[in-house]
PDB file of N, CA and C in Angstrom:
ATOM      1  N   MET A   1     150.859  80.915 -12.616  1.00  0.00           N
ATOM      2  CA  MET A   1     149.649  80.735 -11.840  1.00  0.00           C
ATOM      3  C   MET A   1     149.820  79.537 -10.918  1.00  0.00           C
ATOM      4  N   MET A   2     149.298  79.682  -9.723  1.00  0.00           N
ATOM      5  CA  MET A   2     149.322  78.566  -8.787  1.00  0.00           C
ATOM      6  C   MET A   2     147.963  78.437  -8.119  1.00  0.00           C
ATOM      7  N   LYS A   3     147.605  77.221  -7.778  1.00  0.00           N
ATOM      8  CA  LYS A   3     146.336  76.973  -7.112  1.00  0.00           C
ATOM      9  C   LYS A   3     146.488  77.229  -5.621  1.00  0.00           C
ATOM     10  N   VAL A   4     145.504  77.901  -5.041  1.00  0.00           N
ATOM     11  CA  VAL A   4     145.494  78.135  -3.604  1.00  0.00           C
ATOM     12  C   VAL A   4     144.134  77.731  -3.055  1.00  0.00           C
ATOM     13  N   ALA A   5     144.129  77.224  -1.845  1.00  0.00           N
ATOM     14  CA  ALA A   5     142.891  76.859  -1.163  1.00  0.00           C
ATOM     15  C   ALA A   5     142.464  78.026  -0.293  1.00  0.00           C
ATOM     16  N   LEU A   6     141.161  78.246  -0.205  1.00  0.00           N
ATOM     17  CA  LEU A   6     140.623  79.293   0.661  1.00  0.00           C
ATOM     18  C   LEU A   6     140.081  78.648   1.924  1.00  0.00           C
ATOM     19  N   LEU A   7     140.604  79.086   3.070  1.00  0.00           N
ATOM     20  CA  LEU A   7     140.228  78.525   4.365  1.00  0.00           C
ATOM     21  C   LEU A   7     139.270  79.459   5.090  1.00  0.00           C
ATOM     22  N   CYS A   8     138.235  78.890   5.675  1.00  0.00           N
ATOM     23  CA  CYS A   8     137.305  79.668   6.491  1.00  0.00           C
ATOM     24  C   CYS A   8     138.008  80.073   7.779  1.00  0.00           C
ATOM     25  N   THR A   9     137.904  81.348   8.147  1.00  0.00           N
ATOM     26  CA  THR A   9     138.565  81.811   9.369  1.00  0.00           C
ATOM     27  C   THR A   9     137.807  81.386  10.620  1.00  0.00           C
ATOM     28  N   GLU A  10     136.552  81.007  10.502  1.00  0.00           N
ATOM     29  CA  GLU A  10     135.744  80.596  11.654  1.00  0.00           C
ATOM     30  C   GLU A  10     136.000  79.131  12.023  1.00  0.00           C
ATOM     31  N   CYS A  11     135.860  78.226  11.037  1.00  0.00           N
ATOM     32  CA  CYS A  11     135.957  76.792  11.336  1.00  0.00           C
ATOM     33  C   CYS A  11     137.210  76.135  10.765  1.00  0.00           C
ATOM     34  N   GLY A  12     137.886  76.788   9.814  1.00  0.00           N
ATOM     35  CA  GLY A  12     139.124  76.259   9.255  1.00  0.00           C
ATOM     36  C   GLY A  12     138.948  75.278   8.113  1.00  0.00           C
ATOM     37  N   SER A  13     137.731  75.083   7.625  1.00  0.00           N
ATOM     38  CA  SER A  13     137.531  74.138   6.530  1.00  0.00           C
ATOM     39  C   SER A  13     137.934  74.768   5.201  1.00  0.00           C
ATOM     40  N   ARG A  14     138.418  73.927   4.295  1.00  0.00           N
ATOM     41  CA  ARG A  14     138.823  74.375   2.960  1.00  0.00           C
ATOM     42  C   ARG A  14     137.644  74.211   2.032  1.00  0.00           C
ATOM     43  N   ASN A  15     136.970  75.311   1.725  1.00  0.00           N
ATOM     44  CA  ASN A  15     135.747  75.257   0.945  1.00  0.00           C
ATOM     45  C   ASN A  15     135.952  75.562  -0.525  1.00  0.00           C
ATOM     46  N   TYR A  16     136.929  76.362  -0.876  1.00  0.00           N
ATOM     47  CA  TYR A  16     137.106  76.825  -2.249  1.00  0.00           C
ATOM     48  C   TYR A  16     138.563  76.731  -2.660  1.00  0.00           C
ATOM     49  N   THR A  17     138.794  76.587  -3.964  1.00  0.00           N
ATOM     50  CA  THR A  17     140.129  76.693  -4.526  1.00  0.00           C
ATOM     51  C   THR A  17     140.074  77.716  -5.655  1.00  0.00           C
ATOM     52  N   THR A  18     141.177  78.403  -5.866  1.00  0.00           N
ATOM     53  CA  THR A  18     141.264  79.401  -6.923  1.00  0.00           C
ATOM     54  C   THR A  18     142.695  79.474  -7.409  1.00  0.00           C
ATOM     55  N   GLU A  19     142.900  80.126  -8.533  1.00  0.00           N
ATOM     56  CA  GLU A  19     144.244  80.320  -9.057  1.00  0.00           C
ATOM     57  C   GLU A  19     144.660  81.765  -8.831  1.00  0.00           C
ATOM     58  N   SER A  20     145.926  81.963  -8.469  1.00  0.00           N
ATOM     59  CA  SER A  20     146.407  83.298  -8.166  1.00  0.00           C
ATOM     60  C   SER A  20     147.822  83.472  -8.699  1.00  0.00           C
ATOM     61  N   GLU A  21     148.123  84.665  -9.178  1.00  0.00           N
ATOM     62  CA  GLU A  21     149.469  84.999  -9.625  1.00  0.00           C
ATOM     63  C   GLU A  21     150.221  85.795  -8.570  1.00  0.00           C
ATOM     64  N   HIS A  22     149.527  86.262  -7.556  1.00  0.00           N
ATOM     65  CA  HIS A  22     150.104  87.146  -6.550  1.00  0.00           C
ATOM     66  C   HIS A  22     150.629  86.358  -5.357  1.00  0.00           C
ATOM     67  N   LYS A  23     151.661  86.883  -4.743  1.00  0.00           N
ATOM     68  CA  LYS A  23     152.248  86.246  -3.568  1.00  0.00           C
ATOM     69  C   LYS A  23     151.528  86.628  -2.275  1.00  0.00           C
ATOM     70  N   GLU A  24     150.775  87.734  -2.299  1.00  0.00           N
ATOM     71  CA  GLU A  24     150.089  88.155  -1.076  1.00  0.00           C
ATOM     72  C   GLU A  24     148.838  87.317  -0.845  1.00  0.00           C
ATOM     73  N   ARG A  25     148.356  87.332   0.382  1.00  0.00           N
ATOM     74  CA  ARG A  25     147.189  86.546   0.761  1.00  0.00           C
ATOM     75  C   ARG A  25     145.907  87.153   0.222  1.00  0.00           C
ATOM     76  N   LEU A  26     145.041  86.296  -0.275  1.00  0.00           N
ATOM     77  CA  LEU A  26     143.704  86.715  -0.685  1.00  0.00           C
ATOM     78  C   LEU A  26     142.789  86.670   0.522  1.00  0.00           C
ATOM     79  N   VAL A  27     141.930  87.659   0.654  1.00  0.00           N
ATOM     80  CA  VAL A  27     140.920  87.662   1.711  1.00  0.00           C
ATOM     81  C   VAL A  27     139.589  87.974   1.043  1.00  0.00           C
ATOM     82  N   LEU A  28     138.694  86.985   1.054  1.00  0.00           N
ATOM     83  CA  LEU A  28     137.398  87.114   0.405  1.00  0.00           C
ATOM     84  C   LEU A  28     136.285  86.723   1.366  1.00  0.00           C
ATOM     85  N   LYS A  29     135.113  87.273   1.152  1.00  0.00           N
ATOM     86  CA  LYS A  29     133.950  86.889   1.936  1.00  0.00           C
ATOM     87  C   LYS A  29     133.146  85.902   1.094  1.00  0.00           C
ATOM     88  N   LYS A  30     133.086  84.639   1.541  1.00  0.00           N
ATOM     89  CA  LYS A  30     132.435  83.566   0.803  1.00  0.00           C
ATOM     90  C   LYS A  30     131.491  82.800   1.734  1.00  0.00           C
ATOM     91  N   TYR A  31     130.626  81.976   1.135  1.00  0.00           N
ATOM     92  CA  TYR A  31     129.694  81.166   1.915  1.00  0.00           C
ATOM     93  C   TYR A  31     130.392  79.901   2.395  1.00  0.00           C
ATOM     94  N   CYS A  32     130.255  79.604   3.669  1.00  0.00           N
ATOM     95  CA  CYS A  32     130.811  78.391   4.261  1.00  0.00           C
ATOM     96  C   CYS A  32     129.667  77.436   4.573  1.00  0.00           C
ATOM     97  N   ARG A  33     129.710  76.243   3.987  1.00  0.00           N
ATOM     98  CA  ARG A  33     128.655  75.256   4.227  1.00  0.00           C
ATOM     99  C   ARG A  33     128.705  74.699   5.644  1.00  0.00           C
ATOM    100  N   THR A  34     129.881  74.650   6.235  1.00  0.00           N
ATOM    101  CA  THR A  34     130.017  74.135   7.597  1.00  0.00           C
ATOM    102  C   THR A  34     129.423  75.110   8.607  1.00  0.00           C
ATOM    103  N   CYS A  35     129.708  76.403   8.453  1.00  0.00           N
ATOM    104  CA  CYS A  35     129.184  77.431   9.360  1.00  0.00           C
ATOM    105  C   CYS A  35     127.753  77.836   8.991  1.00  0.00           C
ATOM    106  N   ASN A  36     127.343  77.529   7.763  1.00  0.00           N
ATOM    107  CA  ASN A  36     126.008  77.848   7.258  1.00  0.00           C
ATOM    108  C   ASN A  36     125.757  79.349   7.168  1.00  0.00           C
ATOM    109  N   ARG A  37     126.807  80.122   6.825  1.00  0.00           N
ATOM    110  CA  ARG A  37     126.689  81.576   6.656  1.00  0.00           C
ATOM    111  C   ARG A  37     127.909  82.096   5.909  1.00  0.00           C
ATOM    112  N   HIS A  38     127.879  83.368   5.536  1.00  0.00           N
ATOM    113  CA  HIS A  38     129.001  84.007   4.869  1.00  0.00           C
ATOM    114  C   HIS A  38     130.057  84.365   5.894  1.00  0.00           C
ATOM    115  N   THR A  39     131.292  83.960   5.631  1.00  0.00           N
ATOM    116  CA  THR A  39     132.411  84.238   6.531  1.00  0.00           C
ATOM    117  C   THR A  39     133.608  84.699   5.693  1.00  0.00           C
ATOM    118  N   THR A  40     134.630  85.177   6.365  1.00  0.00           N
ATOM    119  CA  THR A  40     135.872  85.584   5.710  1.00  0.00           C
ATOM    120  C   THR A  40     136.697  84.345   5.422  1.00  0.00           C
ATOM    121  N   HIS A  41     137.223  84.261   4.198  1.00  0.00           N
ATOM    122  CA  HIS A  41     138.094  83.157   3.794  1.00  0.00           C
ATOM    123  C   HIS A  41     139.445  83.740   3.398  1.00  0.00           C
ATOM    124  N   LYS A  42     140.525  83.100   3.833  1.00  0.00           N
ATOM    125  CA  LYS A  42     141.875  83.537   3.514  1.00  0.00           C
ATOM    126  C   LYS A  42     142.585  82.433   2.743  1.00  0.00           C
ATOM    127  N   SER A  43     143.497  82.835   1.852  1.00  0.00           N
ATOM    128  CA  SER A  43     144.252  81.853   1.092  1.00  0.00           C
ATOM    129  C   SER A  43     145.273  81.172   1.986  1.00  0.00           C
ATOM    130  N   SER A  44     145.632  79.966   1.620  1.00  0.00           N
ATOM    131  CA  SER A  44     146.520  79.147   2.449  1.00  0.00           C
ATOM    132  C   SER A  44     147.973  79.230   2.006  1.00  0.00           C
ATOM    133  N   ILE A  45     148.406  80.382   1.522  1.00  0.00           N
ATOM    134  CA  ILE A  45     149.790  80.564   1.087  1.00  0.00           C
ATOM    135  C   ILE A  45     150.684  80.718   2.297  1.00  0.00           C
TER     136      ILE A  45
END
């Protein structure tokens, strides 16, 4: 397991961290406090 940061695709801020066993990129829809709305977040692998 490795820790990965989730980056907002709109503003680029790192809002969340998670653990992942997979080498592929995670793409999740999460709330961004900077954008003040739900946006797509991608892992920083």
